[in-house]
N, C-alpha and C. Protein backbone atom coordinates (compact mmCIF):
# COMPACT_ATOMS: atom_id res chain seq x y z
N MET A 1 20.50 -6.54 2.85
CA MET A 1 19.11 -5.81 3.47
C MET A 1 18.08 -6.54 2.95
N ALA A 2 17.38 -5.68 3.45
CA ALA A 2 16.09 -6.70 3.53
C ALA A 2 14.74 -5.84 3.86
N MET A 3 14.09 -4.86 3.50
CA MET A 3 12.83 -4.41 3.28
C MET A 3 11.68 -4.76 3.21
N LEU A 4 10.59 -4.49 4.61
CA LEU A 4 9.99 -5.48 5.42
C LEU A 4 8.39 -4.23 5.32
N PRO A 5 7.34 -4.76 5.23
CA PRO A 5 6.90 -5.66 4.87
C PRO A 5 7.07 -5.66 2.91
N LYS A 6 7.02 -6.48 2.30
CA LYS A 6 7.32 -6.53 0.57
C LYS A 6 6.25 -5.99 0.15
N THR A 7 4.96 -6.06 0.54
CA THR A 7 3.94 -5.88 -0.88
C THR A 7 2.74 -5.44 0.70
N SER A 8 2.59 -4.32 0.62
CA SER A 8 1.48 -3.78 1.32
C SER A 8 0.38 -2.81 0.25
N THR A 9 -1.48 -2.86 1.54
CA THR A 9 -2.08 -2.28 1.45
C THR A 9 -1.89 -1.17 2.07
N ILE A 10 -2.28 0.04 1.58
CA ILE A 10 -2.42 1.38 2.81
C ILE A 10 -3.56 2.27 2.35
N ASP A 11 -4.03 3.25 3.60
CA ASP A 11 -4.58 4.08 2.92
C ASP A 11 -4.15 5.42 3.35
N ALA A 12 -4.79 7.19 3.22
CA ALA A 12 -4.06 8.42 4.23
C ALA A 12 -4.66 8.31 5.06
N THR A 13 -5.83 7.27 6.58
CA THR A 13 -5.39 7.81 7.01
C THR A 13 -4.27 7.16 8.46
N THR A 14 -3.35 5.14 8.11
CA THR A 14 -2.80 5.70 8.84
C THR A 14 -1.24 4.79 8.28
N PRO A 15 -0.53 5.52 8.58
CA PRO A 15 0.61 5.61 8.02
C PRO A 15 1.52 3.97 7.90
N LEU A 16 2.36 3.79 7.50
CA LEU A 16 2.70 2.32 7.01
C LEU A 16 4.22 2.97 8.17
N LYS A 17 4.87 2.06 8.75
CA LYS A 17 6.65 1.65 9.27
C LYS A 17 6.86 0.59 8.85
N LEU A 18 7.58 1.52 7.78
CA LEU A 18 8.42 0.28 7.44
C LEU A 18 10.50 -0.02 8.54
N SER A 19 10.06 -1.43 8.03
CA SER A 19 10.98 -2.33 9.16
C SER A 19 12.72 -2.37 7.80
N LEU A 20 13.55 -2.83 8.47
CA LEU A 20 15.34 -2.55 7.56
C LEU A 20 15.52 -3.81 8.93
N LYS A 21 16.35 -4.55 8.03
CA LYS A 21 17.45 -5.89 8.87
C LYS A 21 18.27 -5.48 7.54
N GLY A 22 19.94 -4.21 8.07
CA GLY A 22 21.20 -5.38 7.75
C GLY A 22 21.88 -6.34 7.38
N TYR A 23 22.52 -6.53 6.97
CA TYR A 23 23.51 -8.22 7.81
C TYR A 23 24.75 -7.96 7.00
N THR A 24 25.44 -8.36 8.08
CA THR A 24 27.43 -7.86 7.35
C THR A 24 27.99 -9.65 6.68
N GLN A 25 28.55 -10.03 6.12
CA GLN A 25 29.64 -10.37 5.08
C GLN A 25 29.02 -11.88 5.77
N ASP A 26 29.36 -12.20 6.56
CA ASP A 26 28.88 -13.60 7.96
C ASP A 26 27.38 -13.34 7.87
N ASN A 27 26.64 -12.10 6.98
CA ASN A 27 25.46 -13.00 7.38
C ASN A 27 24.73 -12.70 9.38
N THR A 28 25.32 -11.66 9.21
CA THR A 28 25.03 -10.90 10.99
C THR A 28 24.14 -10.77 11.19
N GLU A 29 23.05 -10.96 12.06
CA GLU A 29 22.09 -9.27 11.70
C GLU A 29 22.39 -8.02 12.74
N ARG A 30 22.19 -7.13 11.29
CA ARG A 30 23.29 -5.50 12.20
C ARG A 30 21.74 -4.68 12.07
N LEU A 31 21.72 -4.12 12.76
CA LEU A 31 20.87 -2.49 12.58
C LEU A 31 21.12 -1.31 11.92
N LEU A 32 20.37 -1.20 11.65
CA LEU A 32 20.78 -0.58 10.63
C LEU A 32 20.14 1.44 10.56
N GLN A 33 21.00 1.93 10.70
CA GLN A 33 19.98 3.12 11.05
C GLN A 33 19.97 4.12 9.72
N TYR A 34 18.34 5.01 10.02
CA TYR A 34 17.81 5.64 8.42
C TYR A 34 18.71 7.01 8.35
N GLU A 35 19.85 7.26 9.06
CA GLU A 35 20.54 7.70 8.67
C GLU A 35 21.27 7.94 7.50
N ASP A 36 21.51 6.30 7.66
CA ASP A 36 22.74 5.71 6.14
C ASP A 36 22.10 5.90 4.78
N LEU A 37 20.55 5.78 5.15
CA LEU A 37 19.15 4.86 4.79
C LEU A 37 19.05 6.19 3.39
N GLN A 38 18.46 5.40 2.56
CA GLN A 38 18.03 7.22 0.70
C GLN A 38 17.35 6.73 0.44
N TRP A 39 15.68 7.77 0.61
CA TRP A 39 14.84 7.15 0.03
C TRP A 39 13.75 6.70 -1.27
N SER A 40 13.56 6.38 -2.19
CA SER A 40 13.38 6.97 -2.95
C SER A 40 11.25 6.69 -3.48
N VAL A 41 10.65 7.45 -4.05
CA VAL A 41 9.01 6.85 -4.59
C VAL A 41 9.39 6.83 -5.83
N SER A 42 8.46 5.89 -7.12
CA SER A 42 8.05 6.14 -8.02
C SER A 42 6.59 7.63 -8.48
N ASP A 43 5.75 7.83 -7.39
CA ASP A 43 5.23 8.52 -7.21
C ASP A 43 5.49 9.64 -6.27
N THR A 44 5.40 10.36 -5.56
CA THR A 44 5.16 11.28 -4.44
C THR A 44 4.91 12.07 -4.87
N SER A 45 2.93 11.82 -5.42
CA SER A 45 2.17 12.24 -5.99
C SER A 45 0.92 10.97 -4.78
N ILE A 46 1.65 10.40 -4.76
CA ILE A 46 0.51 8.68 -4.63
C ILE A 46 1.16 9.12 -2.85
N VAL A 47 2.25 8.56 -2.32
CA VAL A 47 2.81 8.72 -1.08
C VAL A 47 4.05 9.20 -0.74
N SER A 48 3.94 9.61 0.66
CA SER A 48 5.62 10.77 0.87
C SER A 48 6.50 9.90 2.00
N ILE A 49 7.20 9.55 1.68
CA ILE A 49 7.66 8.57 3.38
C ILE A 49 8.48 10.04 4.34
N THR A 50 8.75 9.31 5.09
CA THR A 50 10.13 10.41 5.61
C THR A 50 11.28 9.71 6.79
N LYS A 51 11.90 10.18 6.53
CA LYS A 51 13.55 10.44 6.96
C LYS A 51 14.51 8.42 7.59
N ASP A 52 12.70 8.03 8.70
CA ASP A 52 13.15 7.52 9.61
C ASP A 52 11.64 5.98 8.86
N GLY A 53 11.76 5.98 7.35
CA GLY A 53 10.51 5.23 6.86
C GLY A 53 9.05 5.07 7.17
N GLN A 54 8.97 7.14 8.06
CA GLN A 54 7.01 6.16 7.16
C GLN A 54 6.73 7.23 6.41
N VAL A 55 5.36 5.55 5.90
CA VAL A 55 4.86 6.02 4.52
C VAL A 55 3.56 6.28 4.58
N LEU A 56 3.00 7.86 4.10
CA LEU A 56 1.60 7.59 4.23
C LEU A 56 0.92 8.03 3.10
N GLY A 57 0.32 7.65 2.51
CA GLY A 57 -0.95 7.52 1.90
C GLY A 57 -1.10 8.74 1.61
N LYS A 58 -1.32 9.53 -0.04
CA LYS A 58 -1.65 10.70 0.20
C LYS A 58 -3.51 10.87 -1.23
N LYS A 59 -3.43 10.42 -1.79
CA LYS A 59 -4.47 9.30 -3.28
C LYS A 59 -4.15 7.85 -3.73
N GLU A 60 -4.90 7.13 -4.22
CA GLU A 60 -4.92 5.95 -4.30
C GLU A 60 -3.69 6.15 -6.27
N GLY A 61 -4.24 4.42 -5.96
CA GLY A 61 -2.22 4.16 -6.86
C GLY A 61 -1.65 3.03 -6.31
N LYS A 62 -0.05 2.62 -7.24
CA LYS A 62 0.72 1.74 -7.11
C LYS A 62 1.86 2.61 -6.94
N VAL A 63 2.67 2.57 -6.10
CA VAL A 63 4.58 2.81 -6.28
C VAL A 63 4.97 2.23 -5.78
N LYS A 64 6.29 1.93 -6.05
CA LYS A 64 7.63 1.70 -6.00
C LYS A 64 8.53 2.64 -4.77
N ILE A 65 8.74 1.94 -3.35
CA ILE A 65 9.82 2.36 -2.86
C ILE A 65 11.62 2.02 -2.73
N VAL A 66 12.19 2.40 -2.69
CA VAL A 66 13.26 1.77 -2.87
C VAL A 66 13.80 2.30 -1.60
N THR A 67 14.64 2.29 -0.84
CA THR A 67 15.80 2.58 -0.13
C THR A 67 17.55 1.83 -0.57
N THR A 68 18.71 3.19 -0.53
CA THR A 68 19.16 2.54 -0.62
C THR A 68 20.13 2.96 1.20
N PHE A 69 21.62 1.92 0.61
CA PHE A 69 22.37 1.45 2.23
C PHE A 69 23.98 2.75 1.72
N LEU A 70 24.85 3.18 2.42
CA LEU A 70 25.31 3.36 1.96
C LEU A 70 26.48 3.55 1.06
N ASN A 71 26.50 2.18 1.33
CA ASN A 71 27.07 0.83 0.40
C ASN A 71 27.60 0.47 -0.86
N GLY A 72 25.80 1.48 -1.24
CA GLY A 72 25.44 1.45 -2.63
C GLY A 72 23.81 0.69 -2.31
N ILE A 73 23.68 -0.35 -1.61
CA ILE A 73 23.47 -1.64 -1.69
C ILE A 73 21.55 -1.73 -1.46
N SER A 74 20.79 -1.82 -2.27
CA SER A 74 19.48 -0.83 -2.79
C SER A 74 17.59 -2.74 -1.60
N ASP A 75 17.62 -2.79 -1.68
CA ASP A 75 15.92 -3.41 -1.61
C ASP A 75 14.29 -2.19 -2.20
N SER A 76 13.86 -2.72 -2.57
CA SER A 76 12.36 -2.57 -2.66
C SER A 76 10.94 -2.36 -2.27
N ILE A 77 9.63 -2.51 -2.55
CA ILE A 77 8.89 -2.57 -1.67
C ILE A 77 7.33 -2.82 -2.04
N ASP A 78 6.40 -2.49 -3.22
CA ASP A 78 5.46 -2.09 -3.84
C ASP A 78 4.22 -2.00 -2.14
N VAL A 79 4.06 -0.53 -2.65
CA VAL A 79 2.92 0.00 -2.11
C VAL A 79 0.60 0.28 -2.37
N THR A 80 0.67 0.05 -2.56
CA THR A 80 -0.72 -0.69 -2.50
C THR A 80 -1.55 1.15 -1.94
N VAL A 81 -2.23 1.88 -2.05
CA VAL A 81 -3.09 3.17 -1.53
C VAL A 81 -4.78 3.20 -2.12
N GLN A 82 -5.02 2.62 -1.71
CA GLN A 82 -6.66 3.34 -1.45
C GLN A 82 -7.40 3.12 -0.46
N ILE A 83 -7.85 4.36 -0.67
CA ILE A 83 -8.94 5.95 -0.06
C ILE A 83 -9.55 5.07 1.10
N GLY A 84 -9.27 4.72 2.61
CA GLY A 84 -10.94 4.14 3.20
C GLY A 84 -10.60 3.08 3.84
N ARG A 85 -9.55 2.14 3.38
CA ARG A 85 -10.18 0.88 3.75
C ARG A 85 -9.47 0.35 4.53
N GLY A 86 -8.18 1.64 5.07
CA GLY A 86 -7.37 0.57 6.14
C GLY A 86 -6.36 0.85 5.89
N THR A 87 -4.96 0.18 6.32
CA THR A 87 -3.93 -0.76 6.60
C THR A 87 -3.59 -2.02 6.75
N THR A 88 -2.82 -2.97 5.08
CA THR A 88 -3.97 -4.08 5.23
C THR A 88 -2.08 -4.57 4.83
N LEU A 89 -0.93 -5.57 5.87
CA LEU A 89 0.06 -5.63 5.57
C LEU A 89 0.54 -6.95 4.47
N SER A 90 0.81 -6.95 3.78
CA SER A 90 1.67 -8.83 3.38
C SER A 90 2.82 -8.32 2.52
N ASP A 91 2.85 -9.67 3.68
CA ASP A 91 4.47 -9.55 4.15
C ASP A 91 4.74 -11.43 2.27
N ASN A 92 5.42 -11.32 1.22
CA ASN A 92 6.15 -11.66 1.47
C ASN A 92 7.64 -11.64 0.64
N MET A 93 8.66 -12.73 1.82
CA MET A 93 9.84 -12.65 2.36
C MET A 93 10.49 -12.66 0.55
N GLU A 94 10.47 -12.88 0.01
CA GLU A 94 11.03 -13.54 -1.44
C GLU A 94 11.52 -12.20 -2.21
N SER A 95 12.86 -12.01 -2.44
CA SER A 95 13.63 -10.86 -2.75
C SER A 95 14.53 -10.76 -4.14
């Protein structure tokens, strides 16, 4: 499973929609259903996240967002909130 973008900077006015890719054991890409995922945020006073992976900044700071699939496989991203500066995506494909 891979969550993208791996790092991003957002503000409180523009939500960030996270993208997820899943892979079978033979490395075939698989569509993941959002209802099969659990989200966690290191500090919910900085960002909130919806069940379908939409992140909204609340106040300035840095957080780690982790998503876990039903089989226990997880991935994480780092998000920085800077109020009033717009959304910048930075995609680092390293995992």
